[in-house]
N, C-alpha and C. Protein backbone atom coordinates (compact mmCIF):
# COMPACT_ATOMS: atom_id res chain seq x y z
N UNK A 1 9.14 10.16 21.28
CA UNK A 1 9.99 10.15 20.10
C UNK A 1 9.49 9.13 19.07
N UNK A 2 9.07 7.95 19.57
CA UNK A 2 8.57 6.90 18.67
C UNK A 2 7.39 7.40 17.85
N UNK A 3 6.46 8.12 18.51
CA UNK A 3 5.28 8.65 17.81
C UNK A 3 5.66 9.63 16.71
N UNK A 4 6.68 10.44 16.95
CA UNK A 4 7.13 11.41 15.95
C UNK A 4 7.70 10.69 14.74
N UNK A 5 8.49 9.65 14.96
CA UNK A 5 9.06 8.88 13.85
C UNK A 5 7.98 8.16 13.04
N UNK A 6 7.03 7.56 13.75
CA UNK A 6 5.93 6.88 13.06
C UNK A 6 5.16 7.89 12.21
N UNK A 7 4.88 9.07 12.76
CA UNK A 7 4.15 10.08 12.00
C UNK A 7 4.92 10.49 10.75
N UNK A 8 6.22 10.62 10.86
CA UNK A 8 7.03 10.95 9.67
C UNK A 8 6.93 9.86 8.60
N UNK A 9 6.92 8.60 9.02
CA UNK A 9 6.78 7.49 8.08
C UNK A 9 5.41 7.48 7.43
N UNK A 10 4.38 7.83 8.20
CA UNK A 10 3.04 7.93 7.64
C UNK A 10 2.96 9.10 6.67
N UNK A 11 3.52 10.25 7.08
CA UNK A 11 3.48 11.45 6.24
C UNK A 11 4.19 11.26 4.91
N UNK A 12 5.23 10.45 4.91
CA UNK A 12 5.95 10.20 3.66
C UNK A 12 5.04 9.60 2.60
N UNK A 13 4.03 8.87 3.02
CA UNK A 13 3.07 8.26 2.10
C UNK A 13 1.88 9.19 1.85
N UNK A 14 1.33 9.79 2.89
CA UNK A 14 0.15 10.63 2.70
C UNK A 14 0.46 11.90 1.90
N UNK A 15 1.70 12.38 1.96
CA UNK A 15 2.09 13.54 1.14
C UNK A 15 1.95 13.25 -0.36
N UNK A 16 1.93 11.98 -0.70
CA UNK A 16 1.81 11.58 -2.11
C UNK A 16 0.34 11.55 -2.56
N UNK A 17 -0.56 11.89 -1.66
CA UNK A 17 -1.99 11.88 -2.01
C UNK A 17 -2.68 10.58 -1.64
N UNK A 18 -2.05 9.77 -0.79
CA UNK A 18 -2.60 8.50 -0.37
C UNK A 18 -3.37 8.73 0.93
N UNK A 19 -4.62 8.27 0.97
CA UNK A 19 -5.48 8.48 2.13
C UNK A 19 -5.17 7.46 3.22
N UNK A 20 -4.99 7.96 4.44
CA UNK A 20 -4.69 7.08 5.57
C UNK A 20 -5.96 6.49 6.16
N UNK A 21 -5.92 5.19 6.40
CA UNK A 21 -7.01 4.47 7.07
C UNK A 21 -6.48 4.02 8.43
N UNK A 22 -7.18 4.38 9.50
CA UNK A 22 -6.69 4.06 10.83
C UNK A 22 -7.58 3.12 11.63
N UNK A 23 -8.81 2.93 11.19
CA UNK A 23 -9.74 2.09 11.93
C UNK A 23 -10.41 1.08 11.00
N UNK A 24 -10.97 0.02 11.57
CA UNK A 24 -11.74 -0.90 10.74
C UNK A 24 -12.88 -0.20 9.99
N UNK A 25 -13.50 0.78 10.62
CA UNK A 25 -14.58 1.53 9.95
C UNK A 25 -14.04 2.29 8.73
N UNK A 26 -12.84 2.87 8.87
CA UNK A 26 -12.20 3.54 7.72
C UNK A 26 -12.00 2.55 6.58
N UNK A 27 -11.52 1.36 6.92
CA UNK A 27 -11.27 0.32 5.91
C UNK A 27 -12.57 -0.08 5.24
N UNK A 28 -13.59 -0.35 6.05
CA UNK A 28 -14.89 -0.75 5.49
C UNK A 28 -15.42 0.30 4.52
N UNK A 29 -15.34 1.56 4.90
CA UNK A 29 -15.84 2.63 4.03
C UNK A 29 -15.04 2.69 2.73
N UNK A 30 -13.73 2.64 2.82
CA UNK A 30 -12.89 2.74 1.62
C UNK A 30 -13.10 1.55 0.70
N UNK A 31 -13.19 0.36 1.26
CA UNK A 31 -13.29 -0.84 0.44
C UNK A 31 -14.67 -1.01 -0.17
N UNK A 32 -15.72 -0.60 0.53
CA UNK A 32 -17.07 -0.78 -0.02
C UNK A 32 -17.44 0.32 -1.01
N UNK A 33 -16.85 1.49 -0.86
CA UNK A 33 -17.17 2.60 -1.76
C UNK A 33 -16.28 2.61 -3.00
N UNK A 34 -15.28 1.74 -3.05
CA UNK A 34 -14.31 1.78 -4.13
C UNK A 34 -14.89 1.23 -5.44
N UNK A 35 -14.78 2.03 -6.45
CA UNK A 35 -15.07 1.62 -7.82
C UNK A 35 -13.80 1.88 -8.61
N UNK A 36 -13.44 0.98 -9.47
CA UNK A 36 -12.19 1.11 -10.19
C UNK A 36 -11.07 0.44 -9.42
N UNK A 37 -9.86 0.91 -9.61
CA UNK A 37 -8.71 0.28 -8.96
C UNK A 37 -8.28 1.08 -7.75
N UNK A 38 -7.91 0.35 -6.71
CA UNK A 38 -7.45 0.98 -5.48
C UNK A 38 -6.14 0.32 -5.07
N UNK A 39 -5.13 1.14 -4.84
CA UNK A 39 -3.86 0.65 -4.31
C UNK A 39 -3.93 0.75 -2.79
N UNK A 40 -3.61 -0.35 -2.13
CA UNK A 40 -3.55 -0.39 -0.67
C UNK A 40 -2.07 -0.53 -0.31
N UNK A 41 -1.54 0.46 0.40
CA UNK A 41 -0.15 0.45 0.82
C UNK A 41 -0.12 0.05 2.29
N UNK A 42 0.45 -1.12 2.57
CA UNK A 42 0.65 -1.53 3.95
C UNK A 42 2.04 -1.04 4.33
N UNK A 43 2.09 0.01 5.13
CA UNK A 43 3.32 0.68 5.52
C UNK A 43 3.83 0.07 6.82
N UNK A 44 5.13 0.19 7.06
CA UNK A 44 5.69 -0.32 8.31
C UNK A 44 6.98 0.41 8.65
N UNK A 45 7.54 0.05 9.81
CA UNK A 45 8.74 0.73 10.32
C UNK A 45 10.04 0.09 9.83
N UNK A 46 9.97 -1.03 9.17
CA UNK A 46 11.20 -1.75 8.82
C UNK A 46 12.04 -0.98 7.79
N UNK A 47 13.27 -1.36 7.70
CA UNK A 47 14.19 -0.70 6.78
C UNK A 47 13.78 -0.83 5.32
N UNK A 48 13.19 -1.96 4.94
CA UNK A 48 12.81 -2.12 3.55
C UNK A 48 11.61 -1.24 3.20
N UNK A 49 10.82 -0.86 4.19
CA UNK A 49 9.72 0.08 3.93
C UNK A 49 10.29 1.46 3.63
N UNK A 50 11.21 1.91 4.48
CA UNK A 50 11.80 3.24 4.32
C UNK A 50 12.80 3.32 3.19
N UNK A 51 13.58 2.27 3.00
CA UNK A 51 14.63 2.31 2.00
C UNK A 51 14.19 1.92 0.61
N UNK A 52 13.09 1.15 0.53
CA UNK A 52 12.67 0.65 -0.79
C UNK A 52 11.19 0.91 -1.08
N UNK A 53 10.30 0.47 -0.21
CA UNK A 53 8.86 0.52 -0.52
C UNK A 53 8.34 1.95 -0.70
N UNK A 54 8.59 2.81 0.26
CA UNK A 54 8.07 4.18 0.15
C UNK A 54 8.70 4.94 -1.02
N UNK A 55 10.03 4.85 -1.24
CA UNK A 55 10.59 5.51 -2.42
C UNK A 55 10.05 4.93 -3.73
N UNK A 56 9.84 3.62 -3.78
CA UNK A 56 9.29 3.01 -5.00
C UNK A 56 7.86 3.48 -5.24
N UNK A 57 7.09 3.62 -4.18
CA UNK A 57 5.74 4.16 -4.32
C UNK A 57 5.79 5.54 -4.94
N UNK A 58 6.64 6.41 -4.41
CA UNK A 58 6.75 7.78 -4.93
C UNK A 58 7.11 7.76 -6.42
N UNK A 59 8.07 6.96 -6.79
CA UNK A 59 8.48 6.89 -8.20
C UNK A 59 7.38 6.31 -9.08
N UNK A 60 6.68 5.31 -8.58
CA UNK A 60 5.64 4.68 -9.39
C UNK A 60 4.49 5.64 -9.70
N UNK A 61 4.29 6.63 -8.84
CA UNK A 61 3.20 7.58 -9.06
C UNK A 61 3.54 8.61 -10.12
N UNK A 62 4.77 8.59 -10.62
CA UNK A 62 5.15 9.42 -11.76
C UNK A 62 4.78 8.74 -13.08
N UNK A 63 4.39 7.49 -13.01
CA UNK A 63 4.02 6.68 -14.18
C UNK A 63 2.68 7.18 -14.73
N UNK A 64 2.48 7.05 -16.01
CA UNK A 64 1.27 7.53 -16.65
C UNK A 64 0.00 6.82 -16.20
N UNK A 65 0.08 5.53 -15.94
CA UNK A 65 -1.07 4.75 -15.52
C UNK A 65 -0.99 4.57 -14.01
N UNK A 66 -2.09 4.92 -13.33
CA UNK A 66 -2.13 4.83 -11.87
C UNK A 66 -3.51 4.32 -11.42
N UNK A 67 -3.59 3.84 -10.21
CA UNK A 67 -4.89 3.45 -9.66
C UNK A 67 -5.80 4.66 -9.51
N UNK A 68 -7.11 4.42 -9.53
CA UNK A 68 -8.05 5.53 -9.38
C UNK A 68 -8.11 6.04 -7.95
N UNK A 69 -7.72 5.22 -6.97
CA UNK A 69 -7.63 5.69 -5.59
C UNK A 69 -6.50 4.94 -4.87
N UNK A 70 -6.04 5.55 -3.78
CA UNK A 70 -4.93 4.96 -3.02
C UNK A 70 -5.18 5.18 -1.54
N UNK A 71 -4.95 4.12 -0.76
CA UNK A 71 -5.09 4.20 0.68
C UNK A 71 -3.87 3.57 1.33
N UNK A 72 -3.62 3.92 2.59
CA UNK A 72 -2.51 3.34 3.32
C UNK A 72 -2.93 3.00 4.74
N UNK A 73 -2.33 1.95 5.25
CA UNK A 73 -2.54 1.52 6.62
C UNK A 73 -1.16 1.25 7.20
N UNK A 74 -0.94 1.71 8.42
CA UNK A 74 0.34 1.48 9.06
C UNK A 74 0.22 0.24 9.94
N UNK A 75 0.90 -0.83 9.52
CA UNK A 75 0.71 -2.14 10.14
C UNK A 75 1.01 -2.18 11.62
N UNK A 76 2.05 -1.52 12.06
CA UNK A 76 2.46 -1.67 13.46
C UNK A 76 1.66 -0.82 14.44
N UNK A 77 0.96 0.19 13.98
CA UNK A 77 0.18 1.02 14.91
C UNK A 77 -1.32 0.88 14.71
N UNK A 78 -1.75 0.66 13.50
CA UNK A 78 -3.18 0.55 13.20
C UNK A 78 -3.52 -0.91 12.95
N UNK A 79 -3.32 -1.72 13.98
CA UNK A 79 -3.42 -3.18 13.84
C UNK A 79 -4.81 -3.66 13.49
N UNK A 80 -5.83 -3.08 14.10
CA UNK A 80 -7.20 -3.51 13.79
C UNK A 80 -7.58 -3.16 12.36
N UNK A 81 -7.17 -2.00 11.90
CA UNK A 81 -7.45 -1.61 10.50
C UNK A 81 -6.69 -2.53 9.54
N UNK A 82 -5.46 -2.86 9.90
CA UNK A 82 -4.66 -3.75 9.06
C UNK A 82 -5.31 -5.12 8.98
N UNK A 83 -5.75 -5.63 10.10
CA UNK A 83 -6.41 -6.94 10.11
C UNK A 83 -7.67 -6.93 9.26
N UNK A 84 -8.45 -5.85 9.35
CA UNK A 84 -9.68 -5.76 8.55
C UNK A 84 -9.34 -5.72 7.06
N UNK A 85 -8.36 -4.95 6.68
CA UNK A 85 -7.98 -4.89 5.27
C UNK A 85 -7.53 -6.25 4.77
N UNK A 86 -6.75 -6.95 5.58
CA UNK A 86 -6.22 -8.26 5.16
C UNK A 86 -7.32 -9.28 4.93
N UNK A 87 -8.49 -9.07 5.52
CA UNK A 87 -9.63 -9.97 5.26
C UNK A 87 -10.01 -9.94 3.79
N UNK A 88 -9.68 -8.87 3.09
CA UNK A 88 -10.03 -8.71 1.68
C UNK A 88 -8.95 -9.26 0.74
N UNK A 89 -7.79 -9.59 1.28
CA UNK A 89 -6.68 -10.06 0.44
C UNK A 89 -6.74 -11.58 0.36
N UNK A 90 -7.59 -12.06 -0.49
CA UNK A 90 -7.92 -13.47 -0.60
C UNK A 90 -6.69 -14.37 -0.68
N UNK A 91 -6.61 -15.29 0.27
CA UNK A 91 -5.56 -16.33 0.31
C UNK A 91 -4.14 -15.78 0.30
N UNK A 92 -3.92 -14.61 0.88
CA UNK A 92 -2.58 -14.02 0.93
C UNK A 92 -2.10 -13.98 2.38
N UNK A 93 -0.85 -14.35 2.61
CA UNK A 93 -0.33 -14.27 3.98
C UNK A 93 -0.10 -12.81 4.36
N UNK A 94 -0.13 -12.51 5.66
CA UNK A 94 0.17 -11.15 6.11
C UNK A 94 1.56 -10.75 5.65
N UNK A 95 1.71 -9.51 5.21
CA UNK A 95 2.99 -9.05 4.69
C UNK A 95 3.06 -7.54 4.85
N UNK A 96 4.12 -7.09 5.52
CA UNK A 96 4.33 -5.64 5.61
C UNK A 96 5.83 -5.37 5.61
N UNK A 97 6.21 -4.44 4.76
CA UNK A 97 5.36 -3.64 3.89
C UNK A 97 4.85 -4.49 2.73
N UNK A 98 3.83 -3.99 2.08
CA UNK A 98 3.31 -4.63 0.88
C UNK A 98 2.44 -3.64 0.12
N UNK A 99 2.16 -4.01 -1.12
CA UNK A 99 1.27 -3.24 -1.97
C UNK A 99 0.20 -4.20 -2.48
N UNK A 100 -1.05 -3.77 -2.42
CA UNK A 100 -2.16 -4.59 -2.88
C UNK A 100 -2.99 -3.77 -3.85
N UNK A 101 -3.36 -4.39 -4.96
CA UNK A 101 -4.29 -3.76 -5.88
C UNK A 101 -5.64 -4.45 -5.78
N UNK A 102 -6.67 -3.63 -5.62
CA UNK A 102 -8.05 -4.09 -5.61
C UNK A 102 -8.72 -3.49 -6.84
N UNK A 103 -9.62 -4.24 -7.43
CA UNK A 103 -10.37 -3.71 -8.58
C UNK A 103 -11.85 -3.97 -8.32
N UNK A 104 -12.61 -2.89 -8.30
CA UNK A 104 -14.04 -2.97 -8.01
C UNK A 104 -14.30 -3.77 -6.73
N UNK A 105 -13.46 -3.52 -5.72
CA UNK A 105 -13.63 -4.15 -4.42
C UNK A 105 -13.08 -5.56 -4.29
N UNK A 106 -12.44 -6.07 -5.33
CA UNK A 106 -11.91 -7.43 -5.28
C UNK A 106 -10.39 -7.42 -5.40
N UNK A 107 -9.76 -8.31 -4.66
CA UNK A 107 -8.31 -8.47 -4.70
C UNK A 107 -7.88 -8.93 -6.09
N UNK A 108 -6.84 -8.27 -6.65
CA UNK A 108 -6.31 -8.72 -7.94
C UNK A 108 -4.80 -8.95 -7.95
N UNK A 109 -4.04 -8.27 -7.07
CA UNK A 109 -2.58 -8.40 -7.13
C UNK A 109 -1.94 -7.95 -5.83
N UNK A 110 -0.83 -8.60 -5.47
CA UNK A 110 -0.10 -8.21 -4.26
C UNK A 110 1.40 -8.30 -4.50
N UNK A 111 2.10 -7.29 -4.01
CA UNK A 111 3.56 -7.29 -3.97
C UNK A 111 3.92 -7.45 -2.50
N UNK A 112 4.47 -8.60 -2.16
CA UNK A 112 4.76 -8.98 -0.78
C UNK A 112 6.10 -8.42 -0.31
N UNK A 113 6.30 -8.48 0.98
CA UNK A 113 7.55 -8.04 1.59
C UNK A 113 8.75 -8.72 0.94
N UNK A 114 8.65 -10.04 0.68
CA UNK A 114 9.79 -10.75 0.10
C UNK A 114 10.11 -10.26 -1.31
N UNK A 115 9.18 -9.55 -1.94
CA UNK A 115 9.42 -8.96 -3.26
C UNK A 115 9.94 -7.53 -3.14
N UNK A 116 10.01 -7.03 -1.92
CA UNK A 116 10.51 -5.68 -1.63
C UNK A 116 11.87 -5.76 -0.95
N UNK A 117 11.93 -6.52 0.14
CA UNK A 117 13.16 -6.65 0.93
C UNK A 117 14.27 -7.24 0.06
N UNK A 118 15.42 -6.57 0.05
CA UNK A 118 16.56 -7.05 -0.72
C UNK A 118 16.52 -6.66 -2.18
N UNK A 119 15.49 -5.95 -2.59
CA UNK A 119 15.37 -5.48 -3.97
C UNK A 119 15.62 -3.97 -4.02
N UNK A 120 15.94 -3.48 -5.18
CA UNK A 120 16.21 -2.05 -5.34
C UNK A 120 14.90 -1.28 -5.51
N UNK A 121 15.00 0.01 -5.30
CA UNK A 121 13.85 0.89 -5.55
C UNK A 121 13.39 0.74 -7.00
N UNK A 122 14.33 0.67 -7.91
CA UNK A 122 14.00 0.53 -9.33
C UNK A 122 13.25 -0.77 -9.61
N UNK A 123 13.67 -1.87 -8.99
CA UNK A 123 13.00 -3.15 -9.21
C UNK A 123 11.56 -3.12 -8.68
N UNK A 124 11.37 -2.55 -7.52
CA UNK A 124 10.02 -2.50 -6.94
C UNK A 124 9.15 -1.51 -7.72
N UNK A 125 9.73 -0.41 -8.15
CA UNK A 125 8.99 0.54 -8.99
C UNK A 125 8.52 -0.15 -10.26
N UNK A 126 9.37 -0.94 -10.85
CA UNK A 126 9.03 -1.67 -12.08
C UNK A 126 7.88 -2.65 -11.82
N UNK A 127 7.92 -3.33 -10.68
CA UNK A 127 6.82 -4.25 -10.32
C UNK A 127 5.51 -3.50 -10.15
N UNK A 128 5.57 -2.37 -9.46
CA UNK A 128 4.36 -1.56 -9.24
C UNK A 128 3.80 -1.04 -10.56
N UNK A 129 4.65 -0.47 -11.39
CA UNK A 129 4.14 0.12 -12.63
C UNK A 129 3.63 -0.96 -13.59
N UNK A 130 4.23 -2.15 -13.56
CA UNK A 130 3.72 -3.26 -14.38
C UNK A 130 2.32 -3.65 -13.90
N UNK A 131 2.13 -3.67 -12.59
CA UNK A 131 0.80 -3.99 -12.05
C UNK A 131 -0.20 -2.88 -12.41
N UNK A 132 0.24 -1.62 -12.34
CA UNK A 132 -0.64 -0.51 -12.74
C UNK A 132 -1.06 -0.68 -14.20
N UNK A 133 -0.09 -0.98 -15.06
CA UNK A 133 -0.41 -1.14 -16.49
C UNK A 133 -1.39 -2.29 -16.70
N UNK A 134 -1.21 -3.38 -15.98
CA UNK A 134 -2.06 -4.56 -16.17
C UNK A 134 -3.48 -4.35 -15.64
N UNK A 135 -3.62 -3.72 -14.46
CA UNK A 135 -4.92 -3.66 -13.80
C UNK A 135 -5.60 -2.29 -13.83
N UNK A 136 -4.85 -1.24 -14.11
CA UNK A 136 -5.42 0.12 -14.01
C UNK A 136 -5.66 0.78 -15.36
N UNK A 137 -5.24 0.13 -16.41
CA UNK A 137 -5.32 0.73 -17.74
C UNK A 137 -6.69 0.70 -18.34
């Protein structure tokens, strides 16, 4: 049953056109081949991921300005991939759920769990779209 629920949480993000990364090799390929802006969605099982982060992601993708590519890693099941991705998030503490923007392979912005948990979908959507406007335009 746990696997079915996790898959539904993953599917909620991949249905939006976000590519799933499950291994360190997947992360290496995505991060080294990336040109332009890449949104990294660190997904998780917590309530703020399901109640705020994933809905905010969906709404933010209706915005006119978006990253040129998007990837997702599920923190609680794809631990090695998550750890590899976090190596690229310069001086940032581990945070899930979270959103990270990379530009030309370099870390530029992060929306941490504390900026998601306890906030509304609208507030997190606004944070995401402001970051899109700043870094993806």
